Amino acid sequence: MGRGNRRNFWQFWRQRDGAITAEFVCTLPLILAAMAFAFEFGRALWAHQILTENVRAATRFLSRSEITDSSRTLAENIVTTGRADTTSGEFWGEQVTVTFHPSVENGPVQTFGPPDFRVSGQTIRIEAQVPVNLALLGFLGISTWLTVGAADEARHIGD
């Protein structure tokens, strides 16, 4: 490298023209990745919140009604669509897995009573899970599913 080339190199190195653009280009992938992560985290949090609300509503409904196959179906509809009828639904539709503990055939769930509790009773427990597709990662060719779950338990006072 000749003397003129060295001088040109150091002149180029000291120049600040375009430094902001170069820094922006270097940090742009990090900014986009942070925005994608925030978006996907928000979608998963939204799915969890809706699922939690629906499971609580279904548990509340089932704890105040007679335990039958039709009331179980209505509770499943509440978990999957947010309503007892199936006219409109949330964004996941048929992908929700609903579990009743124990099954309705065995009656409303756990029985509790003395000596641990002052009075006897039974509880209803509903658990649900829904898969959430992380769409922006799918855009990059990464197929990623996150399973979101919720559970609720209430004393059975129906019949």
C-alpha atoms as a PDB file:
ATOM      1  CA  MET A   1       0.000   0.000   0.000  1.00  0.00           C
ATOM      2  CA  GLY A   2       1.555   3.230  -1.133  1.00  0.00           C
ATOM      3  CA  ARG A   3       1.696   6.446   0.771  1.00  0.00           C
ATOM      4  CA  GLY A   4      -1.166   7.956  -1.246  1.00  0.00           C
ATOM      5  CA  ASN A   5      -3.321   4.899  -0.652  1.00  0.00           C
ATOM      6  CA  ARG A   6      -2.751   5.082   3.118  1.00  0.00           C
ATOM      7  CA  ARG A   7      -3.671   8.730   3.183  1.00  0.00           C
ATOM      8  CA  ASN A   8      -6.852   8.021   1.200  1.00  0.00           C
ATOM      9  CA  PHE A   9      -7.737   5.171   3.573  1.00  0.00           C
ATOM     10  CA  TRP A  10      -7.376   7.331   6.684  1.00  0.00           C
ATOM     11  CA  GLN A  11      -9.292  10.161   5.057  1.00  0.00           C
ATOM     12  CA  PHE A  12     -12.067   7.687   4.278  1.00  0.00           C
ATOM     13  CA  TRP A  13     -11.935   6.313   7.838  1.00  0.00           C
ATOM     14  CA  ARG A  14     -12.267   9.760   9.416  1.00  0.00           C
ATOM     15  CA  GLN A  15     -15.218  10.770   7.282  1.00  0.00           C
ATOM     16  CA  ARG A  16     -18.545  10.827   9.125  1.00  0.00           C
ATOM     17  CA  ASP A  17     -20.760  11.163   6.062  1.00  0.00           C
ATOM     18  CA  GLY A  18     -23.203   8.256   6.009  1.00  0.00           C
ATOM     19  CA  ALA A  19     -22.322   7.006   9.518  1.00  0.00           C
ATOM     20  CA  ILE A  20     -25.920   7.320  10.651  1.00  0.00           C
ATOM     21  CA  THR A  21     -27.119   5.323   7.648  1.00  0.00           C
ATOM     22  CA  ALA A  22     -24.543   2.599   8.268  1.00  0.00           C
ATOM     23  CA  GLU A  23     -25.518   2.361  11.936  1.00  0.00           C
ATOM     24  CA  PHE A  24     -29.188   2.177  10.988  1.00  0.00           C
ATOM     25  CA  VAL A  25     -28.550  -0.589   8.469  1.00  0.00           C
ATOM     26  CA  CYS A  26     -26.587  -2.534  11.097  1.00  0.00           C
ATOM     27  CA  THR A  27     -29.284  -2.220  13.782  1.00  0.00           C
ATOM     28  CA  LEU A  28     -32.331  -2.646  11.504  1.00  0.00           C
ATOM     29  CA  PRO A  29     -32.435  -6.474  11.829  1.00  0.00           C
ATOM     30  CA  LEU A  30     -32.376  -6.162  15.631  1.00  0.00           C
ATOM     31  CA  ILE A  31     -35.165  -3.582  15.587  1.00  0.00           C
ATOM     32  CA  LEU A  32     -37.304  -5.754  13.296  1.00  0.00           C
ATOM     33  CA  ALA A  33     -36.659  -8.850  15.435  1.00  0.00           C
ATOM     34  CA  ALA A  34     -37.697  -6.960  18.579  1.00  0.00           C
ATOM     35  CA  MET A  35     -40.879  -5.745  16.901  1.00  0.00           C
ATOM     36  CA  ALA A  36     -41.703  -9.269  15.677  1.00  0.00           C
ATOM     37  CA  PHE A  37     -41.118 -10.678  19.167  1.00  0.00           C
ATOM     38  CA  ALA A  38     -43.349  -8.009  20.725  1.00  0.00           C
ATOM     39  CA  PHE A  39     -46.091  -8.715  18.179  1.00  0.00           C
ATOM     40  CA  GLU A  40     -45.973 -12.491  18.702  1.00  0.00           C
ATOM     41  CA  PHE A  41     -45.817 -12.147  22.484  1.00  0.00           C
ATOM     42  CA  GLY A  42     -48.857  -9.853  22.347  1.00  0.00           C
ATOM     43  CA  ARG A  43     -50.815 -12.373  20.263  1.00  0.00           C
ATOM     44  CA  ALA A  44     -49.976 -15.205  22.668  1.00  0.00           C
ATOM     45  CA  LEU A  45     -50.915 -13.049  25.660  1.00  0.00           C
ATOM     46  CA  TRP A  46     -54.184 -12.099  23.960  1.00  0.00           C
ATOM     47  CA  ALA A  47     -54.986 -15.780  23.298  1.00  0.00           C
ATOM     48  CA  HIS A  48     -54.247 -16.633  26.935  1.00  0.00           C
ATOM     49  CA  GLN A  49     -56.480 -13.819  28.196  1.00  0.00           C
ATOM     50  CA  ILE A  50     -59.424 -14.828  26.001  1.00  0.00           C
ATOM     51  CA  LEU A  51     -59.002 -18.495  26.899  1.00  0.00           C
ATOM     52  CA  THR A  52     -58.847 -17.665  30.616  1.00  0.00           C
ATOM     53  CA  GLU A  53     -62.013 -15.555  30.405  1.00  0.00           C
ATOM     54  CA  ASN A  54     -63.867 -18.279  28.501  1.00  0.00           C
ATOM     55  CA  VAL A  55     -62.762 -21.050  30.882  1.00  0.00           C
ATOM     56  CA  ARG A  56     -63.875 -18.983  33.882  1.00  0.00           C
ATOM     57  CA  ALA A  57     -67.256 -18.311  32.269  1.00  0.00           C
ATOM     58  CA  ALA A  58     -67.716 -22.005  31.427  1.00  0.00           C
ATOM     59  CA  THR A  59     -66.774 -23.065  34.963  1.00  0.00           C
ATOM     60  CA  ARG A  60     -69.163 -20.514  36.424  1.00  0.00           C
ATOM     61  CA  PHE A  61     -71.939 -21.762  34.105  1.00  0.00           C
ATOM     62  CA  LEU A  62     -71.331 -25.441  34.841  1.00  0.00           C
ATOM     63  CA  SER A  63     -71.031 -24.898  38.603  1.00  0.00           C
ATOM     64  CA  ARG A  64     -74.507 -23.329  38.660  1.00  0.00           C
ATOM     65  CA  SER A  65     -76.295 -25.875  36.474  1.00  0.00           C
ATOM     66  CA  GLU A  66     -77.244 -29.519  36.566  1.00  0.00           C
ATOM     67  CA  ILE A  67     -74.455 -31.748  35.265  1.00  0.00           C
ATOM     68  CA  THR A  68     -75.750 -33.274  32.013  1.00  0.00           C
ATOM     69  CA  ASP A  69     -74.354 -33.917  28.566  1.00  0.00           C
ATOM     70  CA  SER A  70     -76.164 -30.856  27.232  1.00  0.00           C
ATOM     71  CA  SER A  71     -74.721 -28.589  29.938  1.00  0.00           C
ATOM     72  CA  ARG A  72     -71.274 -30.015  29.186  1.00  0.00           C
ATOM     73  CA  THR A  73     -71.770 -29.205  25.491  1.00  0.00           C
ATOM     74  CA  LEU A  74     -72.833 -25.666  26.374  1.00  0.00           C
ATOM     75  CA  ALA A  75     -69.754 -25.289  28.597  1.00  0.00           C
ATOM     76  CA  GLU A  76     -67.516 -26.498  25.745  1.00  0.00           C
ATOM     77  CA  ASN A  77     -69.186 -23.948  23.457  1.00  0.00           C
ATOM     78  CA  ILE A  78     -68.464 -21.225  26.000  1.00  0.00           C
ATOM     79  CA  VAL A  79     -64.795 -22.220  26.122  1.00  0.00           C
ATOM     80  CA  THR A  80     -64.376 -22.418  22.338  1.00  0.00           C
ATOM     81  CA  THR A  81     -66.523 -19.464  21.232  1.00  0.00           C
ATOM     82  CA  GLY A  82     -67.177 -17.364  24.325  1.00  0.00           C
ATOM     83  CA  ARG A  83     -70.935 -17.981  24.001  1.00  0.00           C
ATOM     84  CA  ALA A  84     -73.259 -20.865  24.844  1.00  0.00           C
ATOM     85  CA  ASP A  85     -74.616 -20.882  21.295  1.00  0.00           C
ATOM     86  CA  THR A  86     -72.244 -21.333  18.367  1.00  0.00           C
ATOM     87  CA  THR A  87     -73.299 -18.325  16.290  1.00  0.00           C
ATOM     88  CA  SER A  88     -70.000 -16.507  16.641  1.00  0.00           C
ATOM     89  CA  GLY A  89     -66.653 -17.534  17.935  1.00  0.00           C
ATOM     90  CA  GLU A  90     -63.229 -16.480  18.977  1.00  0.00           C
ATOM     91  CA  PHE A  91     -60.297 -16.723  16.635  1.00  0.00           C
ATOM     92  CA  TRP A  92     -59.299 -20.361  17.250  1.00  0.00           C
ATOM     93  CA  GLY A  93     -62.511 -22.305  16.608  1.00  0.00           C
ATOM     94  CA  GLU A  94     -62.151 -26.082  16.785  1.00  0.00           C
ATOM     95  CA  GLN A  95     -58.543 -26.157  17.976  1.00  0.00           C
ATOM     96  CA  VAL A  96     -59.419 -25.870  21.669  1.00  0.00           C
ATOM     97  CA  THR A  97     -58.979 -28.957  23.844  1.00  0.00           C
ATOM     98  CA  VAL A  98     -61.409 -28.910  26.790  1.00  0.00           C
ATOM     99  CA  THR A  99     -61.035 -31.291  29.746  1.00  0.00           C
ATOM    100  CA  PHE A 100     -63.531 -31.734  32.585  1.00  0.00           C
ATOM    101  CA  HIS A 101     -62.212 -33.174  35.874  1.00  0.00           C
ATOM    102  CA  PRO A 102     -63.446 -35.741  36.517  1.00  0.00           C
ATOM    103  CA  SER A 103     -65.583 -36.551  33.518  1.00  0.00           C
ATOM    104  CA  VAL A 104     -69.264 -35.621  33.579  1.00  0.00           C
ATOM    105  CA  GLU A 105     -70.193 -39.314  33.664  1.00  0.00           C
ATOM    106  CA  ASN A 106     -68.753 -39.496  37.185  1.00  0.00           C
ATOM    107  CA  GLY A 107     -70.753 -36.507  38.347  1.00  0.00           C
ATOM    108  CA  PRO A 108     -69.335 -33.164  39.310  1.00  0.00           C
ATOM    109  CA  VAL A 109     -65.780 -33.597  40.403  1.00  0.00           C
ATOM    110  CA  GLN A 110     -64.079 -33.815  43.681  1.00  0.00           C
ATOM    111  CA  THR A 111     -66.074 -34.207  46.825  1.00  0.00           C
ATOM    112  CA  PHE A 112     -64.781 -32.460  49.891  1.00  0.00           C
ATOM    113  CA  GLY A 113     -66.003 -32.254  53.454  1.00  0.00           C
ATOM    114  CA  PRO A 114     -65.186 -32.743  57.124  1.00  0.00           C
ATOM    115  CA  PRO A 115     -62.744 -33.033  58.804  1.00  0.00           C
ATOM    116  CA  ASP A 116     -60.763 -30.748  56.451  1.00  0.00           C
ATOM    117  CA  PHE A 117     -63.734 -28.493  55.648  1.00  0.00           C
ATOM    118  CA  ARG A 118     -66.694 -27.302  57.697  1.00  0.00           C
ATOM    119  CA  VAL A 119     -69.279 -28.406  55.119  1.00  0.00           C
ATOM    120  CA  SER A 120     -69.361 -30.978  52.342  1.00  0.00           C
ATOM    121  CA  GLY A 121     -69.455 -30.088  48.671  1.00  0.00           C
ATOM    122  CA  GLN A 122     -68.260 -30.799  45.167  1.00  0.00           C
ATOM    123  CA  THR A 123     -66.105 -28.815  42.780  1.00  0.00           C
ATOM    124  CA  ILE A 124     -66.089 -28.404  39.009  1.00  0.00           C
ATOM    125  CA  ARG A 125     -62.728 -28.109  37.251  1.00  0.00           C
ATOM    126  CA  ILE A 126     -62.281 -27.222  33.589  1.00  0.00           C
ATOM    127  CA  GLU A 127     -58.943 -27.111  31.775  1.00  0.00           C
ATOM    128  CA  ALA A 128     -58.434 -25.967  28.194  1.00  0.00           C
ATOM    129  CA  GLN A 129     -55.530 -25.639  25.812  1.00  0.00           C
ATOM    130  CA  VAL A 130     -55.247 -23.893  22.458  1.00  0.00           C
ATOM    131  CA  PRO A 131     -52.314 -23.873  20.024  1.00  0.00           C
ATOM    132  CA  VAL A 132     -51.189 -20.439  18.854  1.00  0.00           C
ATOM    133  CA  ASN A 133     -49.253 -20.209  15.600  1.00  0.00           C
ATOM    134  CA  LEU A 134     -46.378 -17.746  15.737  1.00  0.00           C
ATOM    135  CA  ALA A 135     -47.074 -16.360  12.255  1.00  0.00           C
ATOM    136  CA  LEU A 136     -44.082 -14.079  11.810  1.00  0.00           C
ATOM    137  CA  LEU A 137     -41.685 -16.916  12.530  1.00  0.00           C
ATOM    138  CA  GLY A 138     -43.590 -18.967   9.964  1.00  0.00           C
ATOM    139  CA  PHE A 139     -42.888 -16.210   7.458  1.00  0.00           C
ATOM    140  CA  LEU A 140     -39.199 -16.839   8.035  1.00  0.00           C
ATOM    141  CA  GLY A 141     -39.677 -20.550   7.377  1.00  0.00           C
ATOM    142  CA  ILE A 142     -39.758 -21.532  11.050  1.00  0.00           C
ATOM    143  CA  SER A 143     -42.969 -23.368  11.915  1.00  0.00           C
ATOM    144  CA  THR A 144     -43.554 -22.652  15.579  1.00  0.00           C
ATOM    145  CA  TRP A 145     -46.653 -23.393  17.637  1.00  0.00           C
ATOM    146  CA  LEU A 146     -47.097 -22.321  21.236  1.00  0.00           C
ATOM    147  CA  THR A 147     -49.679 -24.088  23.397  1.00  0.00           C
ATOM    148  CA  VAL A 148     -51.562 -21.755  25.720  1.00  0.00           C
ATOM    149  CA  GLY A 149     -53.519 -23.239  28.614  1.00  0.00           C
ATOM    150  CA  ALA A 150     -55.952 -22.137  31.273  1.00  0.00           C
ATOM    151  CA  ALA A 151     -57.790 -23.849  34.123  1.00  0.00           C
ATOM    152  CA  ASP A 152     -60.462 -22.877  36.622  1.00  0.00           C
ATOM    153  CA  GLU A 153     -62.196 -24.580  39.505  1.00  0.00           C
ATOM    154  CA  ALA A 154     -65.402 -23.651  41.318  1.00  0.00           C
ATOM    155  CA  ARG A 155     -67.702 -25.149  43.891  1.00  0.00           C
ATOM    156  CA  HIS A 156     -70.733 -26.868  42.388  1.00  0.00           C
ATOM    157  CA  ILE A 157     -73.887 -25.236  43.713  1.00  0.00           C
ATOM    158  CA  GLY A 158     -76.272 -26.129  40.890  1.00  0.00           C
ATOM    159  CA  ASP A 159     -78.961 -28.822  40.455  1.00  0.00           C
END
